[in-house]
Amino acid sequence: MTTEMIQPDPGRRLLQLGVMLFLLGLLTGFLIPSLENPRMGLASHLEGVMNGLFLLGLGLAWPHLSLTGVQQRLLLVLVVFGTFANWLATLMAAWWGAGSMMSIAAHGTQGTPVQELLIGILLFSLSAAMILACGLLLFGLRQPIREISHECHS
């Protein structure tokens, strides 16, 4: 059997990515004093840590999902994109002193129009991705049909 034939376990991959993002969040904490907007740097630090924990939790919950292969792949893409983009968008805003769309954390700072556009695209796309992912996750956590029919006969 070749390695190309071995299918990676999505739950294990989410655990790996969760630890990676958690670590990136921790390392971001060391950058806070040197960033253009330290308050936004704190937001990035927290996004990395919290989204890393989210991926870890999802990795542990993965075996309990009732989703088709296509739905699983879509969920995986959505959550990985959404969580990493959230950390990256806030880090870019902290680095550039940008993020006018995040007025509380940006604390009145504003970047160039291109910087603000890039951050805005990331924020809107990651928001849509995470909302879709949460809907798909809730759908996947529903009680499987086979368990419902088994309980009715008990």
C-alpha atoms as a PDB file:
ATOM      1  CA  MET A   1       0.000   0.000   0.000  1.00  0.00           C
ATOM      2  CA  THR A   2       1.404   3.380  -0.967  1.00  0.00           C
ATOM      3  CA  THR A   3       1.111   6.539   1.096  1.00  0.00           C
ATOM      4  CA  GLU A   4      -1.101   8.108  -1.607  1.00  0.00           C
ATOM      5  CA  MET A   5      -3.767   5.502  -0.828  1.00  0.00           C
ATOM      6  CA  ILE A   6      -3.881   6.310   2.888  1.00  0.00           C
ATOM      7  CA  GLN A   7      -6.643   8.817   3.604  1.00  0.00           C
ATOM      8  CA  PRO A   8      -5.718  11.331   6.312  1.00  0.00           C
ATOM      9  CA  ASP A   9      -7.976  11.370   9.353  1.00  0.00           C
ATOM     10  CA  PRO A  10      -9.734  14.783   9.328  1.00  0.00           C
ATOM     11  CA  GLY A  11     -10.192  14.750  13.106  1.00  0.00           C
ATOM     12  CA  ARG A  12      -6.468  14.200  13.666  1.00  0.00           C
ATOM     13  CA  ARG A  13      -5.649  16.895  11.085  1.00  0.00           C
ATOM     14  CA  LEU A  14      -7.918  19.340  12.955  1.00  0.00           C
ATOM     15  CA  LEU A  15      -6.112  18.490  16.189  1.00  0.00           C
ATOM     16  CA  GLN A  16      -2.745  19.230  14.532  1.00  0.00           C
ATOM     17  CA  LEU A  17      -3.999  22.492  13.040  1.00  0.00           C
ATOM     18  CA  GLY A  18      -5.597  23.440  16.354  1.00  0.00           C
ATOM     19  CA  VAL A  19      -2.311  23.042  18.204  1.00  0.00           C
ATOM     20  CA  MET A  20      -0.543  24.979  15.430  1.00  0.00           C
ATOM     21  CA  LEU A  21      -2.994  27.883  15.617  1.00  0.00           C
ATOM     22  CA  PHE A  22      -2.927  27.842  19.431  1.00  0.00           C
ATOM     23  CA  LEU A  23       0.883  28.081  19.263  1.00  0.00           C
ATOM     24  CA  LEU A  24       0.697  30.923  16.726  1.00  0.00           C
ATOM     25  CA  GLY A  25      -1.662  32.727  19.091  1.00  0.00           C
ATOM     26  CA  LEU A  26       0.759  32.273  21.975  1.00  0.00           C
ATOM     27  CA  LEU A  27       3.698  33.494  19.891  1.00  0.00           C
ATOM     28  CA  THR A  28       1.640  36.493  18.762  1.00  0.00           C
ATOM     29  CA  GLY A  29       1.485  37.485  22.415  1.00  0.00           C
ATOM     30  CA  PHE A  30       5.241  38.096  22.379  1.00  0.00           C
ATOM     31  CA  LEU A  31       4.833  40.530  19.464  1.00  0.00           C
ATOM     32  CA  ILE A  32       2.241  42.734  21.169  1.00  0.00           C
ATOM     33  CA  PRO A  33       4.645  45.439  22.464  1.00  0.00           C
ATOM     34  CA  SER A  34       6.306  45.850  19.059  1.00  0.00           C
ATOM     35  CA  LEU A  35       3.122  46.116  16.965  1.00  0.00           C
ATOM     36  CA  GLU A  36       1.809  49.374  15.555  1.00  0.00           C
ATOM     37  CA  ASN A  37      -1.448  48.793  17.424  1.00  0.00           C
ATOM     38  CA  PRO A  38      -0.797  46.685  20.550  1.00  0.00           C
ATOM     39  CA  ARG A  39      -4.506  46.550  21.397  1.00  0.00           C
ATOM     40  CA  MET A  40      -5.214  44.879  18.046  1.00  0.00           C
ATOM     41  CA  GLY A  41      -2.205  42.642  18.713  1.00  0.00           C
ATOM     42  CA  LEU A  42      -3.920  41.461  21.881  1.00  0.00           C
ATOM     43  CA  ALA A  43      -7.008  40.708  19.788  1.00  0.00           C
ATOM     44  CA  SER A  44      -4.867  38.649  17.397  1.00  0.00           C
ATOM     45  CA  HIS A  45      -3.255  36.788  20.287  1.00  0.00           C
ATOM     46  CA  LEU A  46      -6.694  35.915  21.672  1.00  0.00           C
ATOM     47  CA  GLU A  47      -8.077  34.954  18.237  1.00  0.00           C
ATOM     48  CA  GLY A  48      -5.210  32.515  17.703  1.00  0.00           C
ATOM     49  CA  VAL A  49      -5.641  30.921  21.107  1.00  0.00           C
ATOM     50  CA  MET A  50      -9.456  30.728  20.988  1.00  0.00           C
ATOM     51  CA  ASN A  51      -9.656  29.545  17.381  1.00  0.00           C
ATOM     52  CA  GLY A  52      -6.944  26.951  18.077  1.00  0.00           C
ATOM     53  CA  LEU A  53      -9.090  25.622  20.922  1.00  0.00           C
ATOM     54  CA  PHE A  54     -12.114  25.604  18.594  1.00  0.00           C
ATOM     55  CA  LEU A  55     -10.216  23.450  16.089  1.00  0.00           C
ATOM     56  CA  LEU A  56      -9.097  21.120  18.888  1.00  0.00           C
ATOM     57  CA  GLY A  57     -12.686  20.728  20.066  1.00  0.00           C
ATOM     58  CA  LEU A  58     -13.912  20.095  16.548  1.00  0.00           C
ATOM     59  CA  GLY A  59     -11.169  17.530  16.012  1.00  0.00           C
ATOM     60  CA  LEU A  60     -12.369  15.662  19.101  1.00  0.00           C
ATOM     61  CA  ALA A  61     -16.018  15.929  17.999  1.00  0.00           C
ATOM     62  CA  TRP A  62     -15.285  14.843  14.407  1.00  0.00           C
ATOM     63  CA  PRO A  63     -16.140  11.134  14.912  1.00  0.00           C
ATOM     64  CA  HIS A  64     -19.607  12.141  16.164  1.00  0.00           C
ATOM     65  CA  LEU A  65     -20.595  14.025  13.002  1.00  0.00           C
ATOM     66  CA  SER A  66     -23.172  12.582  10.612  1.00  0.00           C
ATOM     67  CA  LEU A  67     -22.020  14.185   7.358  1.00  0.00           C
ATOM     68  CA  THR A  68     -21.348  12.950   3.842  1.00  0.00           C
ATOM     69  CA  GLY A  69     -17.805  13.045   2.493  1.00  0.00           C
ATOM     70  CA  VAL A  70     -18.516  16.235   0.555  1.00  0.00           C
ATOM     71  CA  GLN A  71     -20.030  17.884   3.629  1.00  0.00           C
ATOM     72  CA  GLN A  72     -17.023  16.857   5.726  1.00  0.00           C
ATOM     73  CA  ARG A  73     -14.577  18.336   3.216  1.00  0.00           C
ATOM     74  CA  LEU A  74     -16.599  21.553   3.025  1.00  0.00           C
ATOM     75  CA  LEU A  75     -16.706  21.836   6.821  1.00  0.00           C
ATOM     76  CA  LEU A  76     -12.970  21.218   7.044  1.00  0.00           C
ATOM     77  CA  VAL A  77     -12.166  23.897   4.463  1.00  0.00           C
ATOM     78  CA  LEU A  78     -14.547  26.421   6.050  1.00  0.00           C
ATOM     79  CA  VAL A  79     -13.247  26.042   9.607  1.00  0.00           C
ATOM     80  CA  VAL A  80      -9.574  25.973   8.685  1.00  0.00           C
ATOM     81  CA  PHE A  81      -9.952  29.044   6.481  1.00  0.00           C
ATOM     82  CA  GLY A  82     -12.153  30.886   8.997  1.00  0.00           C
ATOM     83  CA  THR A  83      -9.993  30.272  12.048  1.00  0.00           C
ATOM     84  CA  PHE A  84      -6.641  31.039  10.445  1.00  0.00           C
ATOM     85  CA  ALA A  85      -8.026  34.052   8.549  1.00  0.00           C
ATOM     86  CA  ASN A  86      -9.394  35.452  11.815  1.00  0.00           C
ATOM     87  CA  TRP A  87      -5.962  35.301  13.434  1.00  0.00           C
ATOM     88  CA  LEU A  88      -4.262  36.652  10.300  1.00  0.00           C
ATOM     89  CA  ALA A  89      -6.669  39.558   9.718  1.00  0.00           C
ATOM     90  CA  THR A  90      -6.245  40.820  13.266  1.00  0.00           C
ATOM     91  CA  LEU A  91      -2.475  40.352  13.131  1.00  0.00           C
ATOM     92  CA  MET A  92      -2.252  42.288   9.847  1.00  0.00           C
ATOM     93  CA  ALA A  93      -4.360  45.062  11.371  1.00  0.00           C
ATOM     94  CA  ALA A  94      -2.096  45.160  14.436  1.00  0.00           C
ATOM     95  CA  TRP A  95       1.072  45.198  12.329  1.00  0.00           C
ATOM     96  CA  TRP A  96      -0.170  47.949   9.994  1.00  0.00           C
ATOM     97  CA  GLY A  97      -2.071  49.991  12.573  1.00  0.00           C
ATOM     98  CA  ALA A  98      -5.189  49.375  10.488  1.00  0.00           C
ATOM     99  CA  GLY A  99      -8.558  47.750  11.056  1.00  0.00           C
ATOM    100  CA  SER A 100     -11.102  50.535  10.912  1.00  0.00           C
ATOM    101  CA  MET A 101     -13.822  47.852  10.640  1.00  0.00           C
ATOM    102  CA  MET A 102     -12.877  46.720  14.155  1.00  0.00           C
ATOM    103  CA  SER A 103     -13.212  50.108  15.797  1.00  0.00           C
ATOM    104  CA  ILE A 104     -12.997  49.001  19.432  1.00  0.00           C
ATOM    105  CA  ALA A 105      -9.776  47.016  19.023  1.00  0.00           C
ATOM    106  CA  ALA A 106      -8.353  49.322  16.336  1.00  0.00           C
ATOM    107  CA  HIS A 107      -8.803  52.219  18.766  1.00  0.00           C
ATOM    108  CA  GLY A 108      -9.165  54.831  16.037  1.00  0.00           C
ATOM    109  CA  THR A 109      -6.230  53.735  13.882  1.00  0.00           C
ATOM    110  CA  GLN A 110      -6.615  53.359  10.151  1.00  0.00           C
ATOM    111  CA  GLY A 111      -4.397  51.873   7.478  1.00  0.00           C
ATOM    112  CA  THR A 112      -4.051  52.632   3.811  1.00  0.00           C
ATOM    113  CA  PRO A 113      -7.072  51.928   1.582  1.00  0.00           C
ATOM    114  CA  VAL A 114      -5.394  48.747   0.263  1.00  0.00           C
ATOM    115  CA  GLN A 115      -4.631  47.512   3.796  1.00  0.00           C
ATOM    116  CA  GLU A 116      -8.181  48.204   4.926  1.00  0.00           C
ATOM    117  CA  LEU A 117      -9.548  46.452   1.822  1.00  0.00           C
ATOM    118  CA  LEU A 118      -7.461  43.327   2.434  1.00  0.00           C
ATOM    119  CA  ILE A 119      -8.493  43.195   6.090  1.00  0.00           C
ATOM    120  CA  GLY A 120     -12.132  43.804   5.141  1.00  0.00           C
ATOM    121  CA  ILE A 121     -12.113  40.991   2.573  1.00  0.00           C
ATOM    122  CA  LEU A 122     -10.659  38.618   5.150  1.00  0.00           C
ATOM    123  CA  LEU A 123     -13.158  39.681   7.814  1.00  0.00           C
ATOM    124  CA  PHE A 124     -16.220  39.344   5.584  1.00  0.00           C
ATOM    125  CA  SER A 125     -15.128  36.045   4.046  1.00  0.00           C
ATOM    126  CA  LEU A 126     -14.128  34.470   7.358  1.00  0.00           C
ATOM    127  CA  SER A 127     -17.417  35.584   8.923  1.00  0.00           C
ATOM    128  CA  ALA A 128     -19.393  33.934   6.136  1.00  0.00           C
ATOM    129  CA  ALA A 129     -17.216  30.817   6.339  1.00  0.00           C
ATOM    130  CA  MET A 130     -17.658  30.462  10.100  1.00  0.00           C
ATOM    131  CA  ILE A 131     -21.428  31.002   9.979  1.00  0.00           C
ATOM    132  CA  LEU A 132     -21.760  28.346   7.268  1.00  0.00           C
ATOM    133  CA  ALA A 133     -19.408  26.049   9.174  1.00  0.00           C
ATOM    134  CA  CYS A 134     -21.401  26.373  12.393  1.00  0.00           C
ATOM    135  CA  GLY A 135     -24.640  25.625  10.537  1.00  0.00           C
ATOM    136  CA  LEU A 136     -23.070  22.569   8.917  1.00  0.00           C
ATOM    137  CA  LEU A 137     -21.610  21.510  12.252  1.00  0.00           C
ATOM    138  CA  LEU A 138     -25.008  21.725  13.946  1.00  0.00           C
ATOM    139  CA  PHE A 139     -26.503  19.743  11.079  1.00  0.00           C
ATOM    140  CA  GLY A 140     -23.752  17.128  11.438  1.00  0.00           C
ATOM    141  CA  LEU A 141     -24.366  16.788  15.165  1.00  0.00           C
ATOM    142  CA  ARG A 142     -28.011  15.852  14.668  1.00  0.00           C
ATOM    143  CA  GLN A 143     -29.071  12.412  15.799  1.00  0.00           C
ATOM    144  CA  PRO A 144     -28.405   9.895  13.009  1.00  0.00           C
ATOM    145  CA  ILE A 145     -31.444   8.228  11.426  1.00  0.00           C
ATOM    146  CA  ARG A 146     -30.313   4.740  12.494  1.00  0.00           C
ATOM    147  CA  GLU A 147     -30.255   5.781  16.174  1.00  0.00           C
ATOM    148  CA  ILE A 148     -33.713   7.354  15.940  1.00  0.00           C
ATOM    149  CA  SER A 149     -35.260   4.224  14.406  1.00  0.00           C
ATOM    150  CA  HIS A 150     -33.473   2.036  17.003  1.00  0.00           C
ATOM    151  CA  GLU A 151     -34.870   4.093  19.880  1.00  0.00           C
ATOM    152  CA  CYS A 152     -38.418   3.881  18.495  1.00  0.00           C
ATOM    153  CA  HIS A 153     -38.306   0.083  18.686  1.00  0.00           C
ATOM    154  CA  SER A 154     -37.020  -0.011  22.249  1.00  0.00           C
END
